[in-house]
C-alpha atoms as a PDB file:
ATOM      1  CA  MET A   1      -3.020  -3.531 -11.889  1.00  0.00           C
ATOM      2  CA  ASN A   2      -1.787  -7.081 -11.460  1.00  0.00           C
ATOM      3  CA  LEU A   3      -2.782  -8.272  -7.979  1.00  0.00           C
ATOM      4  CA  LYS A   4      -0.996 -11.593  -8.581  1.00  0.00           C
ATOM      5  CA  LYS A   5       2.355  -9.946  -9.380  1.00  0.00           C
ATOM      6  CA  HIS A   6       5.161 -11.453  -7.285  1.00  0.00           C
ATOM      7  CA  ILE A   7       6.988  -8.860  -5.182  1.00  0.00           C
ATOM      8  CA  TRP A   8       9.173 -10.677  -2.669  1.00  0.00           C
ATOM      9  CA  GLU A   9       9.640 -14.289  -1.488  1.00  0.00           C
ATOM     10  CA  GLY A  10       6.143 -15.488  -2.352  1.00  0.00           C
ATOM     11  CA  TRP A  11       4.427 -12.220  -1.441  1.00  0.00           C
ATOM     12  CA  LEU A  12       2.109 -10.826  -4.094  1.00  0.00           C
ATOM     13  CA  VAL A  13       0.709  -7.322  -4.546  1.00  0.00           C
ATOM     14  CA  GLU A  14      -2.568  -8.685  -3.190  1.00  0.00           C
ATOM     15  CA  ASP A  15      -0.861  -9.913   0.007  1.00  0.00           C
ATOM     16  CA  PHE A  16       0.609  -6.489   0.748  1.00  0.00           C
ATOM     17  CA  ILE A  17      -2.771  -4.851   0.111  1.00  0.00           C
ATOM     18  CA  ASN A  18      -4.438  -7.275   2.517  1.00  0.00           C
ATOM     19  CA  GLU A  19      -1.822  -6.599   5.207  1.00  0.00           C
ATOM     20  CA  LEU A  20      -2.127  -2.817   4.847  1.00  0.00           C
ATOM     21  CA  GLU A  21      -5.923  -2.617   4.552  1.00  0.00           C
ATOM     22  CA  LEU A  22      -6.652  -2.177   8.276  1.00  0.00           C
ATOM     23  CA  PRO A  23      -3.674   0.064   9.188  1.00  0.00           C
ATOM     24  CA  ILE A  24      -4.510   2.414   6.322  1.00  0.00           C
ATOM     25  CA  LYS A  25      -8.204   2.416   7.162  1.00  0.00           C
ATOM     26  CA  LEU A  26      -7.352   3.392  10.745  1.00  0.00           C
ATOM     27  CA  SER A  27      -4.875   6.091   9.658  1.00  0.00           C
ATOM     28  CA  ILE A  28      -6.481   7.514   6.534  1.00  0.00           C
ATOM     29  CA  HIS A  29      -7.629  10.650   8.358  1.00  0.00           C
ATOM     30  CA  ARG A  30      -3.927  11.568   8.763  1.00  0.00           C
ATOM     31  CA  ILE A  31      -2.958  10.754   5.163  1.00  0.00           C
ATOM     32  CA  THR A  32      -3.834  13.575   2.800  1.00  0.00           C
ATOM     33  CA  THR A  33      -1.598  13.023  -0.247  1.00  0.00           C
ATOM     34  CA  LYS A  34      -0.361  10.162  -2.377  1.00  0.00           C
ATOM     35  CA  LYS A  35       3.190  10.979  -1.243  1.00  0.00           C
ATOM     36  CA  GLU A  36       2.193  10.534   2.415  1.00  0.00           C
ATOM     37  CA  LEU A  37       0.435   7.299   1.497  1.00  0.00           C
ATOM     38  CA  LYS A  38       3.580   6.038  -0.237  1.00  0.00           C
ATOM     39  CA  GLU A  39       5.662   6.672   2.880  1.00  0.00           C
ATOM     40  CA  PHE A  40       3.023   5.110   5.129  1.00  0.00           C
ATOM     41  CA  CYS A  41       2.967   1.959   3.001  1.00  0.00           C
ATOM     42  CA  LYS A  42       6.767   1.659   2.980  1.00  0.00           C
ATOM     43  CA  ASP A  43       6.915   2.078   6.762  1.00  0.00           C
ATOM     44  CA  ASN A  44       4.026  -0.270   7.596  1.00  0.00           C
ATOM     45  CA  GLN A  45       4.144  -3.115   5.091  1.00  0.00           C
ATOM     46  CA  PRO A  46       5.716  -6.350   6.354  1.00  0.00           C
ATOM     47  CA  TYR A  47       9.231  -7.438   5.307  1.00  0.00           C
ATOM     48  CA  TYR A  48       9.611  -5.364   2.139  1.00  0.00           C
ATOM     49  CA  LYS A  49      10.506  -1.723   2.772  1.00  0.00           C
ATOM     50  CA  LYS A  50      10.497  -0.410  -0.782  1.00  0.00           C
ATOM     51  CA  HIS A  51       7.798   1.460  -2.676  1.00  0.00           C
ATOM     52  CA  ILE A  52       5.340  -0.904  -4.411  1.00  0.00           C
ATOM     53  CA  PRO A  53       3.551   1.234  -7.023  1.00  0.00           C
ATOM     54  CA  ASP A  54       0.565  -1.110  -7.441  1.00  0.00           C
ATOM     55  CA  VAL A  55      -0.107  -1.096  -3.690  1.00  0.00           C
ATOM     56  CA  VAL A  56       0.101   2.687  -3.423  1.00  0.00           C
ATOM     57  CA  ASN A  57      -2.056   3.164  -6.518  1.00  0.00           C
ATOM     58  CA  TYR A  58      -4.681   0.764  -5.178  1.00  0.00           C
ATOM     59  CA  PHE A  59      -5.113   2.741  -1.959  1.00  0.00           C
ATOM     60  CA  ALA A  60      -4.754   6.136  -3.663  1.00  0.00           C
ATOM     61  CA  ASN A  61      -7.619   5.224  -5.969  1.00  0.00           C
ATOM     62  CA  LYS A  62      -9.698   3.737  -3.164  1.00  0.00           C
ATOM     63  CA  TYR A  63      -9.376   6.850  -0.988  1.00  0.00           C
ATOM     64  CA  LYS A  64      -9.172   9.328  -3.899  1.00  0.00           C
ATOM     65  CA  LEU A  65      -5.748  10.732  -3.007  1.00  0.00           C
ATOM     66  CA  LYS A  66      -3.656  12.756  -5.447  1.00  0.00           C
END
């Protein structure tokens, strides 16, 4: 995973992860699959409303979601 990969207007994978860290931590009890996580990330990440595979994979691995 490339945390320094540019996604959108100066935003890196790492920036999106940092922005989503707390919302996901607070909502993880409601997220049971990687598909739900993907939708949560798209809906809650700032500015960019497309699926970012590296972001989803980071949190899926962290919380052991399949």
